[in-house]
Amino acid sequence: MNIMRILLAIILPPLGVFLTKGISPAFAINILLTVLGWLPGSIHAVWIIVKEAENEPAY
């Protein structure tokens, strides 16, 4: 599932963050970064997804 989120984060950064965090400050920041430029939004989205995956417990 994380690979799919990362691919979405590269194509549409706010969608990747929304699927990971929902409506949150990270989502608003990502929209702002994406408006300023696609690359900053994509980097932020991938970073959010990877950080969230690190915090999930391993089963």
N, C-alpha and C. Protein backbone atom coordinates (compact mmCIF):
# COMPACT_ATOMS: atom_id res chain seq x y z
N MET A 1 0.82 -1.20 0.00
CA MET A 1 0.00 0.00 0.00
C MET A 1 0.87 1.26 0.00
N ASN A 2 2.00 1.22 0.69
CA ASN A 2 2.87 2.40 0.73
C ASN A 2 3.45 2.72 -0.64
N ILE A 3 3.71 1.69 -1.45
CA ILE A 3 4.25 1.95 -2.79
C ILE A 3 3.22 2.70 -3.62
N MET A 4 1.96 2.31 -3.48
CA MET A 4 0.91 3.00 -4.22
C MET A 4 0.77 4.44 -3.74
N ARG A 5 0.88 4.66 -2.44
CA ARG A 5 0.81 6.03 -1.91
C ARG A 5 1.97 6.87 -2.40
N ILE A 6 3.15 6.28 -2.47
CA ILE A 6 4.33 7.02 -2.95
C ILE A 6 4.16 7.38 -4.42
N LEU A 7 3.64 6.46 -5.22
CA LEU A 7 3.40 6.77 -6.63
C LEU A 7 2.37 7.89 -6.76
N LEU A 8 1.31 7.85 -5.96
CA LEU A 8 0.33 8.93 -5.98
C LEU A 8 0.95 10.24 -5.52
N ALA A 9 1.86 10.16 -4.54
CA ALA A 9 2.52 11.36 -4.04
C ALA A 9 3.40 12.00 -5.10
N ILE A 10 3.95 11.20 -5.98
CA ILE A 10 4.78 11.75 -7.04
C ILE A 10 3.91 12.39 -8.12
N ILE A 11 2.78 11.75 -8.43
CA ILE A 11 1.90 12.27 -9.48
C ILE A 11 1.05 13.43 -8.96
N LEU A 12 0.35 13.20 -7.84
CA LEU A 12 -0.52 14.22 -7.23
C LEU A 12 -0.18 14.30 -5.74
N PRO A 13 0.77 15.14 -5.37
CA PRO A 13 1.25 15.17 -3.98
C PRO A 13 0.17 15.33 -2.91
N PRO A 14 -0.80 16.23 -3.05
CA PRO A 14 -1.81 16.35 -1.99
C PRO A 14 -2.63 15.08 -1.78
N LEU A 15 -2.87 14.33 -2.84
CA LEU A 15 -3.64 13.09 -2.70
C LEU A 15 -2.89 12.06 -1.86
N GLY A 16 -1.59 11.94 -2.06
CA GLY A 16 -0.79 11.02 -1.25
C GLY A 16 -0.80 11.39 0.22
N VAL A 17 -0.71 12.67 0.52
CA VAL A 17 -0.73 13.13 1.91
C VAL A 17 -2.13 12.94 2.50
N PHE A 18 -3.16 13.22 1.72
CA PHE A 18 -4.53 13.05 2.21
C PHE A 18 -4.81 11.59 2.57
N LEU A 19 -4.35 10.66 1.75
CA LEU A 19 -4.57 9.24 2.03
C LEU A 19 -3.79 8.78 3.25
N THR A 20 -2.71 9.46 3.57
CA THR A 20 -1.88 9.07 4.72
C THR A 20 -2.34 9.76 6.00
N LYS A 21 -2.58 11.06 5.95
CA LYS A 21 -2.86 11.84 7.15
C LYS A 21 -4.29 12.35 7.24
N GLY A 22 -5.03 12.38 6.13
CA GLY A 22 -6.36 12.97 6.13
C GLY A 22 -6.25 14.49 6.10
N ILE A 23 -7.34 15.15 6.51
CA ILE A 23 -7.32 16.61 6.58
C ILE A 23 -6.53 16.99 7.83
N SER A 24 -5.36 17.55 7.61
CA SER A 24 -4.45 17.89 8.71
C SER A 24 -3.58 19.06 8.29
N PRO A 25 -2.79 19.60 9.22
CA PRO A 25 -1.86 20.67 8.83
C PRO A 25 -0.88 20.22 7.75
N ALA A 26 -0.47 18.96 7.77
CA ALA A 26 0.45 18.46 6.75
C ALA A 26 -0.19 18.53 5.37
N PHE A 27 -1.48 18.27 5.30
CA PHE A 27 -2.21 18.35 4.03
C PHE A 27 -2.24 19.79 3.52
N ALA A 28 -2.51 20.73 4.40
CA ALA A 28 -2.54 22.14 4.01
C ALA A 28 -1.16 22.62 3.56
N ILE A 29 -0.13 22.22 4.29
CA ILE A 29 1.25 22.59 3.90
C ILE A 29 1.58 22.01 2.54
N ASN A 30 1.15 20.78 2.31
CA ASN A 30 1.45 20.15 1.03
C ASN A 30 0.74 20.84 -0.12
N ILE A 31 -0.49 21.27 0.09
CA ILE A 31 -1.19 22.01 -0.96
C ILE A 31 -0.44 23.30 -1.27
N LEU A 32 0.00 24.01 -0.24
CA LEU A 32 0.76 25.24 -0.45
C LEU A 32 2.06 24.97 -1.21
N LEU A 33 2.78 23.93 -0.81
CA LEU A 33 4.03 23.61 -1.50
C LEU A 33 3.79 23.19 -2.95
N THR A 34 2.70 22.48 -3.19
CA THR A 34 2.39 22.06 -4.55
C THR A 34 2.01 23.25 -5.42
N VAL A 35 1.32 24.23 -4.84
CA VAL A 35 0.99 25.44 -5.60
C VAL A 35 2.28 26.20 -5.94
N LEU A 36 3.23 26.21 -5.02
CA LEU A 36 4.50 26.90 -5.28
C LEU A 36 5.35 26.17 -6.30
N GLY A 37 5.18 24.86 -6.39
CA GLY A 37 5.93 24.07 -7.35
C GLY A 37 5.68 22.60 -7.13
N TRP A 38 5.64 21.86 -8.22
CA TRP A 38 5.35 20.43 -8.13
C TRP A 38 6.42 19.68 -7.34
N LEU A 39 7.69 19.99 -7.55
CA LEU A 39 8.78 19.26 -6.89
C LEU A 39 8.77 19.42 -5.37
N PRO A 40 8.63 20.62 -4.80
CA PRO A 40 8.55 20.72 -3.34
C PRO A 40 7.37 19.95 -2.76
N GLY A 41 6.24 19.98 -3.44
CA GLY A 41 5.08 19.24 -2.98
C GLY A 41 5.31 17.74 -3.01
N SER A 42 5.96 17.25 -4.04
CA SER A 42 6.25 15.82 -4.15
C SER A 42 7.24 15.37 -3.09
N ILE A 43 8.26 16.15 -2.86
CA ILE A 43 9.26 15.79 -1.83
C ILE A 43 8.60 15.75 -0.47
N HIS A 44 7.79 16.73 -0.15
CA HIS A 44 7.11 16.77 1.14
C HIS A 44 6.16 15.58 1.28
N ALA A 45 5.42 15.25 0.23
CA ALA A 45 4.48 14.14 0.28
C ALA A 45 5.18 12.81 0.52
N VAL A 46 6.26 12.57 -0.19
CA VAL A 46 7.01 11.32 0.00
C VAL A 46 7.59 11.28 1.41
N TRP A 47 8.07 12.39 1.90
CA TRP A 47 8.63 12.44 3.25
C TRP A 47 7.56 12.11 4.30
N ILE A 48 6.37 12.67 4.14
CA ILE A 48 5.27 12.40 5.08
C ILE A 48 4.91 10.91 5.06
N ILE A 49 4.82 10.33 3.88
CA ILE A 49 4.44 8.91 3.76
C ILE A 49 5.49 8.01 4.38
N VAL A 50 6.76 8.30 4.13
CA VAL A 50 7.84 7.46 4.69
C VAL A 50 7.89 7.60 6.20
N LYS A 51 7.74 8.81 6.72
CA LYS A 51 7.75 9.00 8.18
C LYS A 51 6.59 8.27 8.85
N GLU A 52 5.42 8.30 8.23
CA GLU A 52 4.25 7.60 8.77
C GLU A 52 4.48 6.09 8.76
N ALA A 53 5.14 5.58 7.73
CA ALA A 53 5.42 4.14 7.64
C ALA A 53 6.41 3.72 8.72
N GLU A 54 7.33 4.59 9.08
CA GLU A 54 8.29 4.28 10.14
C GLU A 54 7.61 4.19 11.50
N ASN A 55 6.55 4.96 11.70
CA ASN A 55 5.86 5.00 12.99
C ASN A 55 4.84 3.86 13.16
N GLU A 56 4.49 3.17 12.06
CA GLU A 56 3.54 2.07 12.17
C GLU A 56 4.21 0.86 12.80
N PRO A 57 3.51 0.15 13.67
CA PRO A 57 4.11 -1.06 14.24
C PRO A 57 4.21 -2.17 13.21
N ALA A 58 5.28 -2.93 13.30
CA ALA A 58 5.48 -4.06 12.39
C ALA A 58 4.79 -5.29 12.96
N TYR A 59 4.02 -5.96 12.16
CA TYR A 59 3.30 -7.15 12.62
C TYR A 59 4.01 -8.40 12.24
